[in-house]
């Protein structure tokens, strides 16, 4: 990509990489739009693709968009851009889930192997084996989370049950349900705002 304009084939690859992200039943509940003159990609919830019965509060939509933003960042870096993401950038436009500005890169490109891994991701319907993950893989995942500003913990059976119970309670909570549903399902509403279009 040049410093003044997007190279169309690179932009197509960038969006294709983002669209390769996992989503619930491969619904791809997002829409991409390049904001003219700003080198910014908008990611909106595609409310017509949301599985309301399976994902009533929109948690899977948010997780899917998080995955697509990560893939977009990896591809942008691969093409020599510095991705600058903003999550939920506009409170009065709840269907706008993220923006990623593609700034000039001051750093080298991310590892080519990470970009190549985007294209090898696939869904598996097989059940989990129950085998423990290798310790070197756990360390690698922990390091990757740290680079993203997060802490990755591996809960034991007791903690896993506690987290699953808490998630179930949150899904049943009327306040959480209405807040989350409004954030994802508000597709038709249009609000004038100062946020980027």
C-alpha atoms as a PDB file:
ATOM      1  CA  UNK A   1       0.000   0.000   0.000  1.00  0.00           C
ATOM      2  CA  UNK A   2       1.323   3.410  -0.839  1.00  0.00           C
ATOM      3  CA  UNK A   3       1.381   6.289   1.594  1.00  0.00           C
ATOM      4  CA  UNK A   4      -1.314   8.255  -0.219  1.00  0.00           C
ATOM      5  CA  UNK A   5      -3.786   5.663  -1.491  1.00  0.00           C
ATOM      6  CA  UNK A   6      -4.807   2.098  -0.982  1.00  0.00           C
ATOM      7  CA  UNK A   7      -3.580  -0.499  -3.381  1.00  0.00           C
ATOM      8  CA  UNK A   8      -6.857  -2.211  -4.424  1.00  0.00           C
ATOM      9  CA  UNK A   9      -5.529  -5.817  -4.444  1.00  0.00           C
ATOM     10  CA  UNK A  10      -3.948  -5.322  -1.003  1.00  0.00           C
ATOM     11  CA  UNK A  11      -7.196  -3.822   0.311  1.00  0.00           C
ATOM     12  CA  UNK A  12      -9.124  -6.808  -1.053  1.00  0.00           C
ATOM     13  CA  UNK A  13      -6.713  -9.199   0.700  1.00  0.00           C
ATOM     14  CA  UNK A  14      -7.004  -7.195   3.904  1.00  0.00           C
ATOM     15  CA  UNK A  15     -10.808  -7.462   3.927  1.00  0.00           C
ATOM     16  CA  UNK A  16     -10.680 -11.117   2.838  1.00  0.00           C
ATOM     17  CA  UNK A  17      -8.394 -11.862   5.800  1.00  0.00           C
ATOM     18  CA  UNK A  18     -10.814 -10.097   8.138  1.00  0.00           C
ATOM     19  CA  UNK A  19     -13.748 -12.045   6.672  1.00  0.00           C
ATOM     20  CA  UNK A  20     -11.889 -15.324   7.303  1.00  0.00           C
ATOM     21  CA  UNK A  21     -12.453 -14.871  11.038  1.00  0.00           C
ATOM     22  CA  UNK A  22     -14.608 -17.414  12.874  1.00  0.00           C
ATOM     23  CA  UNK A  23     -18.253 -16.654  13.601  1.00  0.00           C
ATOM     24  CA  UNK A  24     -21.230 -18.533  15.014  1.00  0.00           C
ATOM     25  CA  UNK A  25     -22.352 -21.045  12.354  1.00  0.00           C
ATOM     26  CA  UNK A  26     -20.199 -19.082   9.882  1.00  0.00           C
ATOM     27  CA  UNK A  27     -22.802 -16.294   9.709  1.00  0.00           C
ATOM     28  CA  UNK A  28     -20.153 -13.565   9.314  1.00  0.00           C
ATOM     29  CA  UNK A  29     -22.327 -11.011  11.175  1.00  0.00           C
ATOM     30  CA  UNK A  30     -20.327  -7.967  10.081  1.00  0.00           C
ATOM     31  CA  UNK A  31     -20.163  -5.424   7.290  1.00  0.00           C
ATOM     32  CA  UNK A  32     -17.008  -3.597   6.237  1.00  0.00           C
ATOM     33  CA  UNK A  33     -16.919  -0.091   4.845  1.00  0.00           C
ATOM     34  CA  UNK A  34     -13.925   2.027   3.899  1.00  0.00           C
ATOM     35  CA  UNK A  35     -14.433   5.592   5.114  1.00  0.00           C
ATOM     36  CA  UNK A  36     -13.309   7.779   2.219  1.00  0.00           C
ATOM     37  CA  UNK A  37     -10.292   9.973   2.844  1.00  0.00           C
ATOM     38  CA  UNK A  38      -9.535   8.607   6.317  1.00  0.00           C
ATOM     39  CA  UNK A  39      -7.947   5.206   5.606  1.00  0.00           C
ATOM     40  CA  UNK A  40     -10.382   3.788   8.146  1.00  0.00           C
ATOM     41  CA  UNK A  41     -12.316   0.546   7.884  1.00  0.00           C
ATOM     42  CA  UNK A  42     -15.648   0.482   9.708  1.00  0.00           C
ATOM     43  CA  UNK A  43     -17.043  -2.772  11.026  1.00  0.00           C
ATOM     44  CA  UNK A  44     -20.785  -2.744  11.665  1.00  0.00           C
ATOM     45  CA  UNK A  45     -22.970  -5.561  12.955  1.00  0.00           C
ATOM     46  CA  UNK A  46     -24.898  -7.147  10.085  1.00  0.00           C
ATOM     47  CA  UNK A  47     -28.151  -7.466  11.995  1.00  0.00           C
ATOM     48  CA  UNK A  48     -29.759  -9.483   9.208  1.00  0.00           C
ATOM     49  CA  UNK A  49     -27.179 -12.243   9.840  1.00  0.00           C
ATOM     50  CA  UNK A  50     -27.514 -12.381  13.631  1.00  0.00           C
ATOM     51  CA  UNK A  51     -28.895 -15.691  14.915  1.00  0.00           C
ATOM     52  CA  UNK A  52     -31.293 -14.191  17.447  1.00  0.00           C
ATOM     53  CA  UNK A  53     -32.505 -17.554  18.719  1.00  0.00           C
ATOM     54  CA  UNK A  54     -28.994 -18.981  19.259  1.00  0.00           C
ATOM     55  CA  UNK A  55     -27.372 -15.681  20.296  1.00  0.00           C
ATOM     56  CA  UNK A  56     -30.171 -13.685  21.972  1.00  0.00           C
ATOM     57  CA  UNK A  57     -27.917 -11.155  23.702  1.00  0.00           C
ATOM     58  CA  UNK A  58     -25.374 -10.762  20.896  1.00  0.00           C
ATOM     59  CA  UNK A  59     -22.356 -12.159  22.740  1.00  0.00           C
ATOM     60  CA  UNK A  60     -21.328 -14.259  19.707  1.00  0.00           C
ATOM     61  CA  UNK A  61     -21.570 -11.224  17.418  1.00  0.00           C
ATOM     62  CA  UNK A  62     -19.161  -9.292  19.641  1.00  0.00           C
ATOM     63  CA  UNK A  63     -16.758 -12.242  19.823  1.00  0.00           C
ATOM     64  CA  UNK A  64     -16.903 -12.670  16.036  1.00  0.00           C
ATOM     65  CA  UNK A  65     -16.203  -8.992  15.433  1.00  0.00           C
ATOM     66  CA  UNK A  66     -13.292  -9.179  17.878  1.00  0.00           C
ATOM     67  CA  UNK A  67     -11.866 -12.005  15.759  1.00  0.00           C
ATOM     68  CA  UNK A  68     -12.378 -10.095  12.526  1.00  0.00           C
ATOM     69  CA  UNK A  69     -10.679  -7.009  13.995  1.00  0.00           C
ATOM     70  CA  UNK A  70      -7.675  -9.145  14.975  1.00  0.00           C
ATOM     71  CA  UNK A  71      -7.451 -10.632  11.466  1.00  0.00           C
ATOM     72  CA  UNK A  72      -7.745  -7.150   9.961  1.00  0.00           C
ATOM     73  CA  UNK A  73      -4.931  -5.914  12.200  1.00  0.00           C
ATOM     74  CA  UNK A  74      -2.708  -8.862  11.240  1.00  0.00           C
ATOM     75  CA  UNK A  75      -3.337  -8.263   7.515  1.00  0.00           C
ATOM     76  CA  UNK A  76      -2.839  -4.494   7.817  1.00  0.00           C
ATOM     77  CA  UNK A  77       0.485  -5.016   9.524  1.00  0.00           C
ATOM     78  CA  UNK A  78       1.458  -7.564   6.873  1.00  0.00           C
ATOM     79  CA  UNK A  79       0.825  -4.920   4.190  1.00  0.00           C
ATOM     80  CA  UNK A  80       2.948  -2.340   6.011  1.00  0.00           C
ATOM     81  CA  UNK A  81       0.229  -0.417   7.846  1.00  0.00           C
ATOM     82  CA  UNK A  82      -0.090   0.306  11.540  1.00  0.00           C
ATOM     83  CA  UNK A  83      -3.650  -0.708  12.511  1.00  0.00           C
ATOM     84  CA  UNK A  84      -5.267   1.626  15.048  1.00  0.00           C
ATOM     85  CA  UNK A  85      -8.454  -0.045  16.319  1.00  0.00           C
ATOM     86  CA  UNK A  86     -11.288   1.565  18.276  1.00  0.00           C
ATOM     87  CA  UNK A  87     -13.896  -0.739  19.768  1.00  0.00           C
ATOM     88  CA  UNK A  88     -17.465   0.505  20.200  1.00  0.00           C
ATOM     89  CA  UNK A  89     -16.324   3.978  19.119  1.00  0.00           C
ATOM     90  CA  UNK A  90     -19.730   5.632  19.073  1.00  0.00           C
ATOM     91  CA  UNK A  91     -22.159   4.986  21.954  1.00  0.00           C
ATOM     92  CA  UNK A  92     -25.151   6.437  20.092  1.00  0.00           C
ATOM     93  CA  UNK A  93     -24.587   4.073  17.126  1.00  0.00           C
ATOM     94  CA  UNK A  94     -24.596   0.624  18.757  1.00  0.00           C
ATOM     95  CA  UNK A  95     -24.355  -1.322  15.484  1.00  0.00           C
ATOM     96  CA  UNK A  96     -20.949   0.302  14.800  1.00  0.00           C
ATOM     97  CA  UNK A  97     -18.795  -2.218  16.653  1.00  0.00           C
ATOM     98  CA  UNK A  98     -15.287  -1.128  15.641  1.00  0.00           C
ATOM     99  CA  UNK A  99     -13.149   1.029  13.405  1.00  0.00           C
ATOM    100  CA  UNK A 100      -9.587   0.316  12.311  1.00  0.00           C
ATOM    101  CA  UNK A 101      -7.540   3.211  10.958  1.00  0.00           C
ATOM    102  CA  UNK A 102      -4.702   2.086   8.699  1.00  0.00           C
ATOM    103  CA  UNK A 103      -1.887   4.466   9.599  1.00  0.00           C
ATOM    104  CA  UNK A 104       1.608   4.582   8.176  1.00  0.00           C
ATOM    105  CA  UNK A 105       3.693   1.929   9.855  1.00  0.00           C
ATOM    106  CA  UNK A 106       6.710   2.961  11.881  1.00  0.00           C
ATOM    107  CA  UNK A 107       7.455  -0.678  12.649  1.00  0.00           C
ATOM    108  CA  UNK A 108       8.269  -3.694  10.562  1.00  0.00           C
ATOM    109  CA  UNK A 109       5.492  -5.998   9.421  1.00  0.00           C
ATOM    110  CA  UNK A 110       4.228  -8.697  11.788  1.00  0.00           C
ATOM    111  CA  UNK A 111       5.436 -12.196  11.376  1.00  0.00           C
ATOM    112  CA  UNK A 112       4.522 -13.609   7.979  1.00  0.00           C
ATOM    113  CA  UNK A 113       3.595 -16.874   9.685  1.00  0.00           C
ATOM    114  CA  UNK A 114       0.829 -15.121  11.636  1.00  0.00           C
ATOM    115  CA  UNK A 115      -0.633 -13.718   8.393  1.00  0.00           C
ATOM    116  CA  UNK A 116      -0.400 -17.136   6.744  1.00  0.00           C
ATOM    117  CA  UNK A 117      -2.168 -18.726   9.730  1.00  0.00           C
ATOM    118  CA  UNK A 118      -5.238 -16.568   9.008  1.00  0.00           C
ATOM    119  CA  UNK A 119      -5.769 -18.520   5.777  1.00  0.00           C
ATOM    120  CA  UNK A 120      -5.452 -21.924   7.461  1.00  0.00           C
ATOM    121  CA  UNK A 121      -8.074 -21.382  10.154  1.00  0.00           C
ATOM    122  CA  UNK A 122     -11.084 -23.651   9.773  1.00  0.00           C
ATOM    123  CA  UNK A 123     -14.059 -24.744  11.822  1.00  0.00           C
ATOM    124  CA  UNK A 124     -14.125 -28.126  13.465  1.00  0.00           C
ATOM    125  CA  UNK A 125     -17.292 -29.862  14.581  1.00  0.00           C
ATOM    126  CA  UNK A 126     -15.373 -32.564  16.425  1.00  0.00           C
ATOM    127  CA  UNK A 127     -15.759 -32.701  20.221  1.00  0.00           C
ATOM    128  CA  UNK A 128     -12.869 -31.654  22.403  1.00  0.00           C
ATOM    129  CA  UNK A 129     -10.550 -34.547  23.204  1.00  0.00           C
ATOM    130  CA  UNK A 130     -10.020 -33.712  26.861  1.00  0.00           C
ATOM    131  CA  UNK A 131      -6.242 -34.043  26.440  1.00  0.00           C
ATOM    132  CA  UNK A 132      -4.259 -31.274  28.141  1.00  0.00           C
ATOM    133  CA  UNK A 133      -2.600 -28.722  25.880  1.00  0.00           C
ATOM    134  CA  UNK A 134       1.215 -28.852  25.690  1.00  0.00           C
ATOM    135  CA  UNK A 135       2.939 -26.496  28.124  1.00  0.00           C
ATOM    136  CA  UNK A 136       4.888 -24.732  25.337  1.00  0.00           C
ATOM    137  CA  UNK A 137       1.588 -23.933  23.583  1.00  0.00           C
ATOM    138  CA  UNK A 138       0.129 -22.583  26.842  1.00  0.00           C
ATOM    139  CA  UNK A 139       3.197 -20.358  27.241  1.00  0.00           C
ATOM    140  CA  UNK A 140       2.866 -19.121  23.652  1.00  0.00           C
ATOM    141  CA  UNK A 141      -0.832 -18.308  24.158  1.00  0.00           C
ATOM    142  CA  UNK A 142      -0.027 -16.491  27.410  1.00  0.00           C
ATOM    143  CA  UNK A 143       2.627 -14.387  25.646  1.00  0.00           C
ATOM    144  CA  UNK A 144       0.230 -13.585  22.783  1.00  0.00           C
ATOM    145  CA  UNK A 145      -2.413 -12.418  25.273  1.00  0.00           C
ATOM    146  CA  UNK A 146       0.147 -10.247  27.062  1.00  0.00           C
ATOM    147  CA  UNK A 147       1.085  -8.571  23.757  1.00  0.00           C
ATOM    148  CA  UNK A 148      -2.600  -7.663  23.372  1.00  0.00           C
ATOM    149  CA  UNK A 149      -2.691  -6.120  26.860  1.00  0.00           C
ATOM    150  CA  UNK A 150      -4.605  -9.026  28.393  1.00  0.00           C
ATOM    151  CA  UNK A 151      -3.938 -11.680  30.991  1.00  0.00           C
ATOM    152  CA  UNK A 152      -4.722 -15.257  30.007  1.00  0.00           C
ATOM    153  CA  UNK A 153      -5.580 -17.646  32.806  1.00  0.00           C
ATOM    154  CA  UNK A 154      -6.259 -21.365  32.547  1.00  0.00           C
ATOM    155  CA  UNK A 155      -8.991 -22.219  35.054  1.00  0.00           C
ATOM    156  CA  UNK A 156      -9.293 -25.616  36.653  1.00  0.00           C
ATOM    157  CA  UNK A 157     -12.568 -27.578  36.692  1.00  0.00           C
ATOM    158  CA  UNK A 158     -13.980 -25.727  39.742  1.00  0.00           C
ATOM    159  CA  UNK A 159     -13.199 -22.291  38.299  1.00  0.00           C
ATOM    160  CA  UNK A 160     -14.537 -23.330  34.881  1.00  0.00           C
ATOM    161  CA  UNK A 161     -17.865 -24.303  36.459  1.00  0.00           C
ATOM    162  CA  UNK A 162     -17.980 -20.980  38.323  1.00  0.00           C
ATOM    163  CA  UNK A 163     -17.305 -18.968  35.118  1.00  0.00           C
ATOM    164  CA  UNK A 164     -19.914 -20.929  33.152  1.00  0.00           C
ATOM    165  CA  UNK A 165     -22.493 -20.357  35.896  1.00  0.00           C
ATOM    166  CA  UNK A 166     -21.713 -16.622  35.946  1.00  0.00           C
ATOM    167  CA  UNK A 167     -22.070 -16.422  32.148  1.00  0.00           C
ATOM    168  CA  UNK A 168     -25.414 -18.254  32.332  1.00  0.00           C
ATOM    169  CA  UNK A 169     -26.646 -15.859  35.022  1.00  0.00           C
ATOM    170  CA  UNK A 170     -25.540 -12.881  32.932  1.00  0.00           C
ATOM    171  CA  UNK A 171     -27.424 -14.264  29.924  1.00  0.00           C
ATOM    172  CA  UNK A 172     -30.576 -14.573  32.043  1.00  0.00           C
ATOM    173  CA  UNK A 173     -30.211 -11.119  33.634  1.00  0.00           C
ATOM    174  CA  UNK A 174     -32.797  -8.703  32.168  1.00  0.00           C
ATOM    175  CA  UNK A 175     -30.469  -5.682  32.443  1.00  0.00           C
ATOM    176  CA  UNK A 176     -27.573  -7.452  30.678  1.00  0.00           C
ATOM    177  CA  UNK A 177     -29.931  -8.870  28.047  1.00  0.00           C
ATOM    178  CA  UNK A 178     -31.525  -5.543  27.197  1.00  0.00           C
ATOM    179  CA  UNK A 179     -28.216  -3.657  27.153  1.00  0.00           C
ATOM    180  CA  UNK A 180     -26.485  -6.228  24.934  1.00  0.00           C
ATOM    181  CA  UNK A 181     -29.466  -6.757  22.646  1.00  0.00           C
ATOM    182  CA  UNK A 182     -29.707  -2.984  22.128  1.00  0.00           C
ATOM    183  CA  UNK A 183     -26.024  -2.842  21.245  1.00  0.00           C
ATOM    184  CA  UNK A 184     -26.246  -5.473  18.521  1.00  0.00           C
ATOM    185  CA  UNK A 185     -29.822  -5.674  17.373  1.00  0.00           C
ATOM    186  CA  UNK A 186     -30.339  -1.939  16.791  1.00  0.00           C
ATOM    187  CA  UNK A 187     -29.638  -2.326  13.083  1.00  0.00           C
ATOM    188  CA  UNK A 188     -32.407  -0.124  11.657  1.00  0.00           C
ATOM    189  CA  UNK A 189     -31.998   2.884  13.936  1.00  0.00           C
ATOM    190  CA  UNK A 190     -30.192   5.891  12.506  1.00  0.00           C
ATOM    191  CA  UNK A 191     -28.810   8.551  14.803  1.00  0.00           C
ATOM    192  CA  UNK A 192     -27.014  11.705  13.749  1.00  0.00           C
ATOM    193  CA  UNK A 193     -23.750  11.910  15.621  1.00  0.00           C
ATOM    194  CA  UNK A 194     -20.216  13.244  15.532  1.00  0.00           C
ATOM    195  CA  UNK A 195     -18.827   9.769  14.964  1.00  0.00           C
ATOM    196  CA  UNK A 196     -17.155   8.873  11.694  1.00  0.00           C
ATOM    197  CA  UNK A 197     -19.614   7.666   9.081  1.00  0.00           C
END
